């Protein structure tokens, strides 16, 4: 297996975490699901820094982002599959 670009922790996740430097718009990324060691590919639509998230499905404003199998926040903008997910389109529900 090649080195993954993206980690997904749980099959229920709808965002994955970039784990390498240099992810550029248009790249085909190898994603590994750590829950069952499966993998898949996804094309990114943006440059995405290491540690930031990518949408695994189309997410609408108001949807819940799921990472590690848990709610990590609310989408505040529509975000398409393969797009960068961070503070510009995801907000915590804590405040």
Foldseek 3Di string as FASTA:
>chain_A
DDDFQWEAADPPFQKTFGADADQAQQDWTWYAHNVVRDIDTFGAHGHEGGGWIFGQAWDAFQDFGAGNNDTQFGFRHTHHGRYTDDPVGTDGPPD
